[in-house]
Amino acid sequence: MPLKRMVLQIGMGTDIRGTDYTKAAVRALRDALWHNSLGIANAVGLPTDSMQVEVTIGVPHPDRVDTKEVLAVLPHGTGTVKVVEGGLEIPNDAGTGSTVIANAAAVVRLDIA
């Protein structure tokens, strides 16, 4: 059966002082996921672990994100993480650090007719 897109969840996460891109990315995905309780899999007679989640993270420097840490946030199903250029990095006034803002999109797909 073909995978069908069932849900799109979006979120934003920050690391205020540490310039930690992975921390901001993890917080963005948590923001996207933790505001919802998805019963869609159960509603169509599938287990929640049958969900396939495609995560896209947007940050200014994609190479600074540990995708394994981001993927570990998913509570159910299996997933993939793609990191693209986006988000924001805002330097502090002293020039000694930055705030990082990450955006996350999580597309949930199910294998249904």
N, C-alpha and C. Protein backbone atom coordinates (compact mmCIF):
# COMPACT_ATOMS: atom_id res chain seq x y z
N MET A 1 0.84 -1.19 0.00
CA MET A 1 0.00 0.00 0.00
C MET A 1 0.88 1.25 0.00
N PRO A 2 0.37 2.34 -0.56
CA PRO A 2 1.19 3.57 -0.60
C PRO A 2 1.16 4.32 0.73
N LEU A 3 2.26 5.01 1.01
CA LEU A 3 2.31 5.86 2.19
C LEU A 3 1.48 7.11 1.92
N LYS A 4 0.63 7.47 2.87
CA LYS A 4 -0.18 8.68 2.73
C LYS A 4 0.15 9.66 3.83
N ARG A 5 0.29 10.91 3.43
CA ARG A 5 0.55 11.97 4.40
C ARG A 5 -0.72 12.21 5.21
N MET A 6 -0.57 12.09 6.53
CA MET A 6 -1.71 12.22 7.42
C MET A 6 -1.66 13.49 8.26
N VAL A 7 -0.44 13.93 8.63
CA VAL A 7 -0.29 15.03 9.58
C VAL A 7 0.95 15.84 9.23
N LEU A 8 0.86 17.15 9.42
CA LEU A 8 2.03 18.03 9.39
C LEU A 8 2.06 18.78 10.71
N GLN A 9 3.18 18.66 11.42
CA GLN A 9 3.35 19.36 12.68
C GLN A 9 4.55 20.29 12.53
N ILE A 10 4.44 21.52 13.07
CA ILE A 10 5.53 22.47 12.96
C ILE A 10 5.88 23.02 14.34
N GLY A 11 7.15 23.37 14.51
CA GLY A 11 7.57 23.89 15.79
C GLY A 11 8.81 24.75 15.68
N MET A 12 9.14 25.43 16.78
CA MET A 12 10.30 26.29 16.85
C MET A 12 11.02 26.00 18.17
N GLY A 13 12.35 26.02 18.12
CA GLY A 13 13.14 25.81 19.32
C GLY A 13 14.33 26.74 19.33
N THR A 14 14.82 27.05 20.52
CA THR A 14 15.95 27.98 20.64
C THR A 14 17.01 27.45 21.59
N ASP A 15 18.20 27.95 21.41
CA ASP A 15 19.25 27.89 22.43
C ASP A 15 19.64 29.34 22.63
N ILE A 16 19.25 29.90 23.74
CA ILE A 16 19.36 31.34 23.98
C ILE A 16 20.81 31.82 24.07
N ARG A 17 21.66 31.10 24.79
CA ARG A 17 23.02 31.60 25.01
C ARG A 17 24.13 30.67 24.55
N GLY A 18 23.83 29.41 24.31
CA GLY A 18 24.89 28.44 24.09
C GLY A 18 25.31 28.21 22.65
N THR A 19 24.58 28.76 21.70
CA THR A 19 24.83 28.55 20.28
C THR A 19 24.92 27.05 19.97
N ASP A 20 24.04 26.28 20.61
CA ASP A 20 24.00 24.83 20.41
C ASP A 20 22.88 24.50 19.41
N TYR A 21 23.29 24.20 18.20
CA TYR A 21 22.33 23.94 17.13
C TYR A 21 21.51 22.69 17.38
N THR A 22 22.12 21.66 17.92
CA THR A 22 21.37 20.43 18.20
C THR A 22 20.32 20.67 19.27
N LYS A 23 20.67 21.40 20.32
CA LYS A 23 19.71 21.70 21.38
C LYS A 23 18.51 22.46 20.81
N ALA A 24 18.75 23.44 19.97
CA ALA A 24 17.66 24.20 19.36
C ALA A 24 16.81 23.30 18.45
N ALA A 25 17.45 22.41 17.70
CA ALA A 25 16.72 21.51 16.80
C ALA A 25 15.86 20.53 17.58
N VAL A 26 16.40 19.97 18.66
CA VAL A 26 15.64 19.05 19.51
C VAL A 26 14.43 19.77 20.11
N ARG A 27 14.64 20.98 20.59
CA ARG A 27 13.53 21.75 21.16
C ARG A 27 12.47 22.08 20.11
N ALA A 28 12.89 22.34 18.89
CA ALA A 28 11.94 22.63 17.81
C ALA A 28 11.07 21.41 17.51
N LEU A 29 11.69 20.23 17.44
CA LEU A 29 10.90 19.03 17.17
C LEU A 29 9.98 18.72 18.34
N ARG A 30 10.47 18.88 19.56
CA ARG A 30 9.59 18.67 20.73
C ARG A 30 8.41 19.63 20.69
N ASP A 31 8.67 20.88 20.33
CA ASP A 31 7.58 21.86 20.22
C ASP A 31 6.54 21.39 19.21
N ALA A 32 7.01 20.86 18.09
CA ALA A 32 6.09 20.38 17.06
C ALA A 32 5.27 19.18 17.53
N LEU A 33 5.88 18.29 18.28
CA LEU A 33 5.22 17.04 18.66
C LEU A 33 4.42 17.12 19.95
N TRP A 34 4.89 17.85 20.92
CA TRP A 34 4.33 17.79 22.27
C TRP A 34 3.04 18.58 22.44
N HIS A 35 2.60 19.26 21.43
CA HIS A 35 1.32 19.97 21.52
C HIS A 35 0.18 19.13 20.98
N ASN A 36 0.48 17.89 20.65
CA ASN A 36 -0.51 17.03 20.00
C ASN A 36 -0.53 15.65 20.65
N SER A 37 -1.64 14.99 20.49
CA SER A 37 -1.74 13.58 20.79
C SER A 37 -2.38 12.95 19.57
N LEU A 38 -1.57 12.28 18.78
CA LEU A 38 -2.07 11.75 17.52
C LEU A 38 -2.72 10.38 17.70
N GLY A 39 -3.98 10.32 17.43
CA GLY A 39 -4.71 9.06 17.47
C GLY A 39 -5.00 8.55 16.07
N ILE A 40 -4.37 9.14 15.07
CA ILE A 40 -4.67 8.83 13.68
C ILE A 40 -4.38 7.37 13.34
N ALA A 41 -3.26 6.84 13.81
CA ALA A 41 -2.92 5.44 13.49
C ALA A 41 -3.98 4.51 14.07
N ASN A 42 -4.29 4.70 15.35
CA ASN A 42 -5.31 3.86 15.98
C ASN A 42 -6.67 4.02 15.31
N ALA A 43 -6.97 5.22 14.86
CA ALA A 43 -8.27 5.47 14.23
C ALA A 43 -8.44 4.69 12.93
N VAL A 44 -7.35 4.37 12.26
CA VAL A 44 -7.44 3.60 11.02
C VAL A 44 -7.00 2.15 11.23
N GLY A 45 -6.93 1.72 12.50
CA GLY A 45 -6.65 0.33 12.82
C GLY A 45 -5.19 -0.08 12.75
N LEU A 46 -4.27 0.89 12.88
CA LEU A 46 -2.84 0.58 12.84
C LEU A 46 -2.20 0.91 14.18
N PRO A 47 -1.13 0.23 14.54
CA PRO A 47 -0.41 0.58 15.77
C PRO A 47 0.31 1.92 15.61
N THR A 48 0.51 2.62 16.71
CA THR A 48 1.18 3.92 16.64
C THR A 48 2.60 3.81 16.11
N ASP A 49 3.25 2.68 16.33
CA ASP A 49 4.61 2.52 15.82
C ASP A 49 4.67 2.29 14.31
N SER A 50 3.52 2.23 13.66
CA SER A 50 3.52 2.11 12.20
C SER A 50 3.70 3.47 11.52
N MET A 51 3.67 4.54 12.31
CA MET A 51 3.85 5.88 11.74
C MET A 51 5.28 6.04 11.22
N GLN A 52 5.39 6.65 10.06
CA GLN A 52 6.69 6.99 9.50
C GLN A 52 6.76 8.52 9.49
N VAL A 53 7.77 9.05 10.15
CA VAL A 53 7.86 10.49 10.37
C VAL A 53 9.08 11.05 9.63
N GLU A 54 8.83 12.03 8.78
CA GLU A 54 9.89 12.71 8.06
C GLU A 54 10.09 14.08 8.71
N VAL A 55 11.24 14.26 9.35
CA VAL A 55 11.53 15.50 10.07
C VAL A 55 12.46 16.36 9.23
N THR A 56 12.12 17.63 9.09
CA THR A 56 13.00 18.60 8.46
C THR A 56 13.28 19.69 9.48
N ILE A 57 14.58 19.97 9.67
CA ILE A 57 15.03 21.00 10.60
C ILE A 57 15.68 22.10 9.79
N GLY A 58 15.34 23.37 10.09
CA GLY A 58 15.97 24.51 9.44
C GLY A 58 16.81 25.29 10.43
N VAL A 59 18.12 25.39 10.17
CA VAL A 59 19.05 26.17 10.99
C VAL A 59 20.07 26.83 10.06
N PRO A 60 20.72 27.91 10.49
CA PRO A 60 21.69 28.58 9.63
C PRO A 60 22.89 27.72 9.22
N HIS A 61 23.31 26.80 10.08
CA HIS A 61 24.47 25.94 9.78
C HIS A 61 24.04 24.48 9.96
N PRO A 62 23.47 23.86 8.92
CA PRO A 62 22.94 22.49 9.05
C PRO A 62 23.95 21.46 9.54
N ASP A 63 25.22 21.64 9.25
CA ASP A 63 26.24 20.67 9.65
C ASP A 63 26.47 20.64 11.16
N ARG A 64 25.91 21.57 11.90
CA ARG A 64 26.10 21.62 13.36
C ARG A 64 25.02 20.88 14.14
N VAL A 65 24.13 20.19 13.45
CA VAL A 65 23.03 19.47 14.12
C VAL A 65 23.34 17.97 14.12
N ASP A 66 23.25 17.35 15.30
CA ASP A 66 23.39 15.91 15.44
C ASP A 66 22.02 15.28 15.17
N THR A 67 21.85 14.71 13.99
CA THR A 67 20.54 14.18 13.59
C THR A 67 20.11 12.99 14.46
N LYS A 68 21.05 12.25 15.01
CA LYS A 68 20.68 11.12 15.88
C LYS A 68 19.99 11.62 17.15
N GLU A 69 20.46 12.73 17.70
CA GLU A 69 19.81 13.29 18.89
C GLU A 69 18.41 13.79 18.56
N VAL A 70 18.24 14.39 17.39
CA VAL A 70 16.93 14.87 16.97
C VAL A 70 15.98 13.68 16.78
N LEU A 71 16.44 12.65 16.10
CA LEU A 71 15.61 11.47 15.84
C LEU A 71 15.18 10.78 17.13
N ALA A 72 16.02 10.84 18.16
CA ALA A 72 15.70 10.21 19.44
C ALA A 72 14.48 10.83 20.13
N VAL A 73 14.05 12.00 19.68
CA VAL A 73 12.89 12.68 20.26
C VAL A 73 11.59 11.97 19.90
N LEU A 74 11.55 11.30 18.76
CA LEU A 74 10.29 10.69 18.30
C LEU A 74 9.81 9.63 19.29
N PRO A 75 8.56 9.76 19.79
CA PRO A 75 8.06 8.80 20.77
C PRO A 75 7.51 7.52 20.14
N HIS A 76 7.13 7.59 18.86
CA HIS A 76 6.51 6.44 18.19
C HIS A 76 6.97 6.40 16.74
N GLY A 77 6.88 5.23 16.17
CA GLY A 77 7.17 5.07 14.75
C GLY A 77 8.65 5.12 14.44
N THR A 78 8.92 5.22 13.15
CA THR A 78 10.29 5.35 12.67
C THR A 78 10.40 6.68 11.97
N GLY A 79 11.63 7.17 11.85
CA GLY A 79 11.76 8.49 11.25
C GLY A 79 13.06 8.71 10.53
N THR A 80 13.06 9.80 9.81
CA THR A 80 14.26 10.30 9.15
C THR A 80 14.38 11.78 9.48
N VAL A 81 15.61 12.29 9.46
CA VAL A 81 15.84 13.70 9.73
C VAL A 81 16.68 14.28 8.60
N LYS A 82 16.20 15.39 8.05
CA LYS A 82 16.95 16.15 7.05
C LYS A 82 17.13 17.55 7.62
N VAL A 83 18.36 18.06 7.57
CA VAL A 83 18.63 19.40 8.09
C VAL A 83 18.97 20.30 6.90
N VAL A 84 18.26 21.43 6.83
CA VAL A 84 18.43 22.37 5.73
C VAL A 84 18.77 23.76 6.27
N GLU A 85 19.23 24.61 5.40
CA GLU A 85 19.53 25.98 5.81
C GLU A 85 18.24 26.73 6.07
N GLY A 86 18.19 27.41 7.21
CA GLY A 86 17.00 28.16 7.60
C GLY A 86 17.21 28.70 9.00
N GLY A 87 16.14 28.96 9.72
CA GLY A 87 16.24 29.46 11.08
C GLY A 87 16.97 30.78 11.18
N LEU A 88 17.48 31.07 12.37
CA LEU A 88 18.19 32.33 12.62
C LEU A 88 19.31 32.12 13.62
N GLU A 89 20.33 32.95 13.51
CA GLU A 89 21.36 33.07 14.55
C GLU A 89 21.53 34.55 14.82
N ILE A 90 21.33 34.94 16.06
CA ILE A 90 21.34 36.35 16.45
C ILE A 90 22.49 36.58 17.42
N PRO A 91 23.55 37.28 17.00
CA PRO A 91 24.69 37.52 17.90
C PRO A 91 24.30 38.41 19.08
N ASN A 92 24.95 38.18 20.23
CA ASN A 92 24.70 39.07 21.36
C ASN A 92 25.48 40.37 21.18
N ASP A 93 25.20 41.36 22.00
CA ASP A 93 25.84 42.68 21.86
C ASP A 93 27.34 42.64 22.07
N ALA A 94 27.81 41.74 22.92
CA ALA A 94 29.24 41.66 23.22
C ALA A 94 30.02 40.93 22.12
N GLY A 95 29.29 40.25 21.23
CA GLY A 95 29.96 39.50 20.18
C GLY A 95 30.59 38.20 20.68
N THR A 96 30.15 37.73 21.84
CA THR A 96 30.74 36.54 22.45
C THR A 96 29.87 35.29 22.31
N GLY A 97 28.70 35.43 21.77
CA GLY A 97 27.80 34.29 21.63
C GLY A 97 26.61 34.66 20.78
N SER A 98 25.72 33.70 20.59
CA SER A 98 24.54 33.92 19.75
C SER A 98 23.36 33.13 20.30
N THR A 99 22.19 33.59 19.92
CA THR A 99 20.97 32.82 20.10
C THR A 99 20.67 32.12 18.79
N VAL A 100 20.37 30.83 18.87
CA VAL A 100 20.03 30.05 17.69
C VAL A 100 18.55 29.73 17.72
N ILE A 101 17.88 29.95 16.59
CA ILE A 101 16.47 29.60 16.44
C ILE A 101 16.38 28.55 15.34
N ALA A 102 15.78 27.42 15.68
CA ALA A 102 15.58 26.33 14.72
C ALA A 102 14.10 26.17 14.46
N ASN A 103 13.77 25.79 13.24
CA ASN A 103 12.40 25.45 12.87
C ASN A 103 12.33 23.97 12.55
N ALA A 104 11.20 23.35 12.88
CA ALA A 104 11.02 21.93 12.61
C ALA A 104 9.69 21.69 11.92
N ALA A 105 9.70 20.75 10.98
CA ALA A 105 8.47 20.26 10.37
C ALA A 105 8.52 18.74 10.45
N ALA A 106 7.44 18.15 10.93
CA ALA A 106 7.35 16.70 11.03
C ALA A 106 6.13 16.25 10.22
N VAL A 107 6.37 15.47 9.19
CA VAL A 107 5.30 14.94 8.35
C VAL A 107 5.10 13.48 8.75
N VAL A 108 3.89 13.15 9.17
CA VAL A 108 3.58 11.79 9.58
C VAL A 108 2.85 11.10 8.43
N ARG A 109 3.38 9.93 8.05
CA ARG A 109 2.77 9.14 6.96
C ARG A 109 2.40 7.76 7.50
N LEU A 110 1.33 7.22 6.92
CA LEU A 110 0.89 5.86 7.24
C LEU A 110 0.70 5.08 5.94
N ASP A 111 0.93 3.81 6.04
CA ASP A 111 0.77 2.91 4.89
C ASP A 111 -0.68 2.42 4.88
N ILE A 112 -1.54 3.16 4.16
CA ILE A 112 -2.96 2.81 4.11
C ILE A 112 -3.45 2.84 2.68
N ALA A 113 -4.56 2.17 2.47
CA ALA A 113 -5.15 2.10 1.11
C ALA A 113 -5.81 3.41 0.75
